[in-house]
């Protein structure tokens, strides 16, 4: 379990170190006053880009001599200050007051008073973790004999050892420990000699602290493709099987040597802030029930104020999911939606207004041999719209012009209509029902949904800009109890129509990319990095960040992501889709209506024939009477 450095030490091991220091054969004080010490400081501040040096000592302890201050200032133009501090309160005040870029704090570890001051400083975690230190001592091994000084994995302390006054070598050591109760890791990271100068591989040895043996982290996680694929473990635990984040976590574990146990939150949510309290994984981390979140936790301002995020493993964004407009799915408008209302109005105007002109011209034109009645003119116009010719021949120029206008107009209308109908019935549409969230809010034809407990809830809830604020107030907040409890439920609502669901674009691609009922809308909202998070103030964030950055620069993160890419969406491979009865219902309906009208008209026509038609026909075909006259 990861612990914090807020503990007062004591006991036999503390007395052992104090005794070791008190029995040292010679005092360390004054080593930095020698030429070796001054030369070392000059090279060290140059190598580590130091601009200001603050030297601290306990009451009666050795301070930096004026001669050393003078030489250091002259050679490197470093501002040097010395402080005598009685306790950690005075030490903290002096360090924080002088905190600025390029500052190095230094002190001797020579007497039990010096050790007590260092011990108290180690209990004040930020002093050793936020500010750079240079500690000079006789024996690094002596420090390692006690657990009274806690040096967390992200401490900024460099230890310099001079084993004897006559030694011409100053050895540099890095000391850290995975937890307060694990042993210290001591590593030689460089040395300084009068002849060879400073030999040091890196400015910040913390970049290579990779021994976390003895550290056990309590992890909280949730399943989400393609980041975390989980399986049940023993005693209610959860096993990280695979996934992008699981792969990264496994590399980190193998590199650092820690152990871990994962569980899932009771409410199975990532966590949002509601009425001042966190839920889900965030609550487990904030309440100290877990040390780290191993899941794709999106970075938000509210979360960042409560936990410490690592470097993002992947950028993600929220996108809208709507029902796909692949084919016509309207039963009643399949054969009418090819034209807009204006286009249908123009077509009807052509059909109903052109015939009167044709009849009028043929009736008045003196060169027209055939006079076309208004009824015949309408038959000709409707026949032209149905792509049928006419047996009528016009002889006047004006009549021919009207004929050409009717047939060209109906020809273009017919071609456009049939091509649009064919395309809409057989080829998947590339048009989108909406183009942005603002369109959804303004349309009034859609409901908006999100999965509760995710970062999207917090982003909408706290947004002050339109359309997010409007979407929250009009669609989401009044229907919190109706919001989908899972991504699948949200997608199913979208497929029913009239619903827009917002979710992580990666979740859609991996979980619903093959669902041909729905599609993603291009605009990306709330783009943010996603990745691991530790409890606030955790000493492990810095080390994890360094390793994650190395994996990113080495291409490990990209390779892991590429290996998890899903197969090509099958919906994109099908350009032609078979028709179904829904699309053809209107055509069959017209046939049935026509047949029904014919059946209804049959008895009416039969009655009309028996009553009037038969008599009229008989009169028309009756031969004329013969009048026989007399010869006279």
Foldseek 3Di string as FASTA:
>chain_A
DADDLQDADDDDLLVQLQVVLVPQPDFPAPLCVDPLNLLQVLQLLVQLVAQEEEEEDEVVDHWDDPNSQVVSCVRRVHHYHYYYDHALVRVVVVPVVPDDPRYEYEYEPRHSSSVRRQLRLQSVVCNFQVHAYEYEYQDPVSVQSDLSHAAALRGRYKYWHDNDSPDQKIWIWDWHALHSPGGIDIDTAWMAGPPPGTDGDDSGPSLPQQAHPPAEFEEEEADFPQAFDWDADPPQWIDGDDHLLSVLVVVSCVRRVYHYIYHFFPLRFLWDADPNAIDTPLNCQQVVVGFKYRYFAFDDPVSVVFWPDFPFLDKWFKFKKAFFLFADQAQACLLPVLDDPVVVVVLVCLLPVLLVQLQVCLVPPPQWPDRDDSVNSSVQLVCLLVVHHDPDDTDDPSNVVSVVVSNVVSVVVNVSSVVSSVCRQWFTDPDDPDADVVCLLPVPQAAEAEAPRGVLVVCLVPDPDPPSVVNCVPHDVVPVVVHDNDPVVQVVVNLVHRYMYMDIPSSCQQPPLQPNRMDTRPDTHPIGGTGMIGGPPRSCSVNSNSVSVVCVVVCVSVVSVVVSHDDPHPSVVDGTDDGDCSSCVVVVVVVVVVVVVVVVCVVVVVVCCVVPVVVVVCVVPDDDDDDDDDDD
